[in-house]
Amino acid sequence: KQWYQRRVRAVRPLEQKHETSDSISQVIINLIKQTVSLSEYVNHNVPKVNYRARCETMVTSQTQLITSEEIVEYIANDRSLFGTSEYVDKYTKPLDVVLDQELIWPLEVRLFPYM
């Protein structure tokens, strides 16, 4: 399959904030559902012959499938989620595992229990 991406320049009024009564987890779930429906639409309805032209016109014809910039900014600016540096630290540092046996004093004398 051939990948194609294009940056969409949407004109919006200044300082328009996304306001919702949903929790951040519900907003993220809705964003994932919208992205999956967009990929299903592209996979089933966009012909491979004129793929690039159809993808360019899809921004105006299928607006309900395109994620708005306000939602992405709302998720990116939310303080309850990990920041970029916290995320990288969490998934690149090795785990510090301490076994229960290491916390018991005195240590077991039998190092090899099968002997």
C-alpha atoms as a PDB file:
ATOM      1  CA  LYS A   1       0.000   0.000   0.000  1.00  0.00           C
ATOM      2  CA  GLN A   2       1.090   3.531  -0.696  1.00  0.00           C
ATOM      3  CA  TRP A   3       0.988   6.086   2.112  1.00  0.00           C
ATOM      4  CA  TYR A   4      -0.032   9.641   1.484  1.00  0.00           C
ATOM      5  CA  GLN A   5      -0.257  12.535   3.877  1.00  0.00           C
ATOM      6  CA  ARG A   6      -1.173  16.141   3.437  1.00  0.00           C
ATOM      7  CA  ARG A   7      -1.324  18.957   5.938  1.00  0.00           C
ATOM      8  CA  VAL A   8      -4.734  20.553   5.998  1.00  0.00           C
ATOM      9  CA  ARG A   9      -4.810  24.289   6.551  1.00  0.00           C
ATOM     10  CA  ALA A  10      -8.117  25.003   8.234  1.00  0.00           C
ATOM     11  CA  VAL A  11      -8.968  28.637   8.828  1.00  0.00           C
ATOM     12  CA  ARG A  12     -10.403  29.210  12.276  1.00  0.00           C
ATOM     13  CA  PRO A  13     -11.103  32.214  14.440  1.00  0.00           C
ATOM     14  CA  LEU A  14      -8.411  33.183  16.928  1.00  0.00           C
ATOM     15  CA  GLU A  15      -8.576  31.733  20.439  1.00  0.00           C
ATOM     16  CA  GLN A  16     -11.388  29.307  19.713  1.00  0.00           C
ATOM     17  CA  LYS A  17     -11.187  26.721  22.482  1.00  0.00           C
ATOM     18  CA  HIS A  18     -12.703  23.258  22.449  1.00  0.00           C
ATOM     19  CA  GLU A  19     -15.096  22.952  25.368  1.00  0.00           C
ATOM     20  CA  THR A  20     -16.739  19.700  26.342  1.00  0.00           C
ATOM     21  CA  SER A  21     -18.432  18.136  29.323  1.00  0.00           C
ATOM     22  CA  ASP A  22     -16.846  14.753  28.538  1.00  0.00           C
ATOM     23  CA  SER A  23     -13.793  13.507  30.373  1.00  0.00           C
ATOM     24  CA  ILE A  24     -10.423  13.485  28.606  1.00  0.00           C
ATOM     25  CA  SER A  25     -10.546   9.696  28.297  1.00  0.00           C
ATOM     26  CA  GLN A  26     -13.913   9.903  26.498  1.00  0.00           C
ATOM     27  CA  VAL A  27     -12.553  12.575  24.136  1.00  0.00           C
ATOM     28  CA  ILE A  28      -9.581  10.323  23.309  1.00  0.00           C
ATOM     29  CA  ILE A  29     -11.868   7.321  22.735  1.00  0.00           C
ATOM     30  CA  ASN A  30     -14.026   9.393  20.373  1.00  0.00           C
ATOM     31  CA  LEU A  31     -10.896  10.546  18.531  1.00  0.00           C
ATOM     32  CA  ILE A  32      -9.751   6.940  18.077  1.00  0.00           C
ATOM     33  CA  LYS A  33     -13.212   5.919  16.829  1.00  0.00           C
ATOM     34  CA  GLN A  34     -13.199   8.797  14.348  1.00  0.00           C
ATOM     35  CA  THR A  35      -9.720   7.828  13.112  1.00  0.00           C
ATOM     36  CA  VAL A  36     -10.792   4.190  12.662  1.00  0.00           C
ATOM     37  CA  SER A  37     -13.890   5.235  10.715  1.00  0.00           C
ATOM     38  CA  LEU A  38     -11.710   7.464   8.498  1.00  0.00           C
ATOM     39  CA  SER A  39      -9.341   4.578   7.770  1.00  0.00           C
ATOM     40  CA  GLU A  40     -12.264   2.243   7.014  1.00  0.00           C
ATOM     41  CA  TYR A  41     -13.741   4.820   4.643  1.00  0.00           C
ATOM     42  CA  VAL A  42     -10.434   5.287   2.841  1.00  0.00           C
ATOM     43  CA  ASN A  43      -9.845   1.542   2.639  1.00  0.00           C
ATOM     44  CA  HIS A  44     -13.269   0.713   1.210  1.00  0.00           C
ATOM     45  CA  ASN A  45     -14.386   3.800  -0.723  1.00  0.00           C
ATOM     46  CA  VAL A  46     -11.321   5.448  -2.207  1.00  0.00           C
ATOM     47  CA  PRO A  47     -10.298   3.826  -5.503  1.00  0.00           C
ATOM     48  CA  LYS A  48      -6.647   3.003  -5.961  1.00  0.00           C
ATOM     49  CA  VAL A  49      -6.600   4.518  -9.463  1.00  0.00           C
ATOM     50  CA  ASN A  50      -7.134   8.147  -8.501  1.00  0.00           C
ATOM     51  CA  TYR A  51      -6.057   7.869  -4.868  1.00  0.00           C
ATOM     52  CA  ARG A  52      -4.253  11.174  -4.380  1.00  0.00           C
ATOM     53  CA  ALA A  53      -6.962  13.326  -5.950  1.00  0.00           C
ATOM     54  CA  ARG A  54      -9.723  11.590  -3.968  1.00  0.00           C
ATOM     55  CA  CYS A  55      -7.812  12.032  -0.719  1.00  0.00           C
ATOM     56  CA  GLU A  56      -7.391  15.740  -1.419  1.00  0.00           C
ATOM     57  CA  THR A  57     -11.111  16.214  -2.072  1.00  0.00           C
ATOM     58  CA  MET A  58     -12.087  14.061   0.894  1.00  0.00           C
ATOM     59  CA  VAL A  59     -11.203  16.920   3.273  1.00  0.00           C
ATOM     60  CA  THR A  60     -14.144  18.919   1.962  1.00  0.00           C
ATOM     61  CA  SER A  61     -16.532  16.076   1.122  1.00  0.00           C
ATOM     62  CA  GLN A  62     -16.189  13.955   4.293  1.00  0.00           C
ATOM     63  CA  THR A  63     -15.821  16.586   7.003  1.00  0.00           C
ATOM     64  CA  GLN A  64     -17.375  14.382   9.712  1.00  0.00           C
ATOM     65  CA  LEU A  65     -14.430  11.952   9.358  1.00  0.00           C
ATOM     66  CA  ILE A  66     -11.706  14.597   9.695  1.00  0.00           C
ATOM     67  CA  THR A  67     -10.572  15.371  13.250  1.00  0.00           C
ATOM     68  CA  SER A  68     -10.760  19.043  14.144  1.00  0.00           C
ATOM     69  CA  GLU A  69      -7.665  20.916  15.214  1.00  0.00           C
ATOM     70  CA  GLU A  70      -9.358  22.112  18.401  1.00  0.00           C
ATOM     71  CA  ILE A  71      -9.769  18.532  19.676  1.00  0.00           C
ATOM     72  CA  VAL A  72      -6.126  17.709  19.010  1.00  0.00           C
ATOM     73  CA  GLU A  73      -4.996  20.882  20.795  1.00  0.00           C
ATOM     74  CA  TYR A  74      -7.358  20.135  23.701  1.00  0.00           C
ATOM     75  CA  ILE A  75      -5.800  16.687  24.142  1.00  0.00           C
ATOM     76  CA  ALA A  76      -2.248  17.991  23.712  1.00  0.00           C
ATOM     77  CA  ASN A  77      -2.727  20.763  26.290  1.00  0.00           C
ATOM     78  CA  ASP A  78      -4.390  18.595  28.934  1.00  0.00           C
ATOM     79  CA  ARG A  79      -2.280  18.486  32.103  1.00  0.00           C
ATOM     80  CA  SER A  80      -3.560  15.100  33.306  1.00  0.00           C
ATOM     81  CA  LEU A  81      -1.772  13.290  30.475  1.00  0.00           C
ATOM     82  CA  PHE A  82       1.939  12.560  30.267  1.00  0.00           C
ATOM     83  CA  GLY A  83       4.164  15.190  28.763  1.00  0.00           C
ATOM     84  CA  THR A  84       6.580  14.140  26.037  1.00  0.00           C
ATOM     85  CA  SER A  85       9.608  13.930  28.321  1.00  0.00           C
ATOM     86  CA  GLU A  86       7.665  11.989  30.992  1.00  0.00           C
ATOM     87  CA  TYR A  87       6.424   9.543  28.359  1.00  0.00           C
ATOM     88  CA  VAL A  88       9.914   8.946  26.976  1.00  0.00           C
ATOM     89  CA  ASP A  89      11.341   8.521  30.489  1.00  0.00           C
ATOM     90  CA  LYS A  90       8.646   6.043  31.457  1.00  0.00           C
ATOM     91  CA  TYR A  91       9.153   3.782  28.455  1.00  0.00           C
ATOM     92  CA  THR A  92      12.939   3.987  28.063  1.00  0.00           C
ATOM     93  CA  LYS A  93      14.114   3.522  31.660  1.00  0.00           C
ATOM     94  CA  PRO A  94      14.548  -0.090  32.798  1.00  0.00           C
ATOM     95  CA  LEU A  95      12.238  -1.364  35.515  1.00  0.00           C
ATOM     96  CA  ASP A  96      13.587  -1.587  39.047  1.00  0.00           C
ATOM     97  CA  VAL A  97      12.237  -4.922  40.219  1.00  0.00           C
ATOM     98  CA  VAL A  98      12.621  -5.975  43.862  1.00  0.00           C
ATOM     99  CA  LEU A  99      11.575  -9.488  44.793  1.00  0.00           C
ATOM    100  CA  ASP A 100       9.841 -10.240  48.081  1.00  0.00           C
ATOM    101  CA  GLN A 101      12.657 -12.633  49.008  1.00  0.00           C
ATOM    102  CA  GLU A 102      15.141  -9.773  48.816  1.00  0.00           C
ATOM    103  CA  LEU A 103      13.173  -7.818  51.441  1.00  0.00           C
ATOM    104  CA  ILE A 104      13.138 -10.642  54.020  1.00  0.00           C
ATOM    105  CA  TRP A 105      15.818 -10.653  56.707  1.00  0.00           C
ATOM    106  CA  PRO A 106      17.763 -12.818  57.388  1.00  0.00           C
ATOM    107  CA  LEU A 107      18.447 -14.115  53.922  1.00  0.00           C
ATOM    108  CA  GLU A 108      17.795 -17.759  53.213  1.00  0.00           C
ATOM    109  CA  VAL A 109      20.770 -19.995  53.824  1.00  0.00           C
ATOM    110  CA  ARG A 110      19.787 -22.537  51.191  1.00  0.00           C
ATOM    111  CA  LEU A 111      20.627 -20.848  47.937  1.00  0.00           C
ATOM    112  CA  PHE A 112      19.888 -23.989  45.953  1.00  0.00           C
ATOM    113  CA  PRO A 113      16.696 -25.553  47.346  1.00  0.00           C
ATOM    114  CA  TYR A 114      16.948 -28.703  45.240  1.00  0.00           C
ATOM    115  CA  MET A 115      20.206 -29.791  46.960  1.00  0.00           C
END
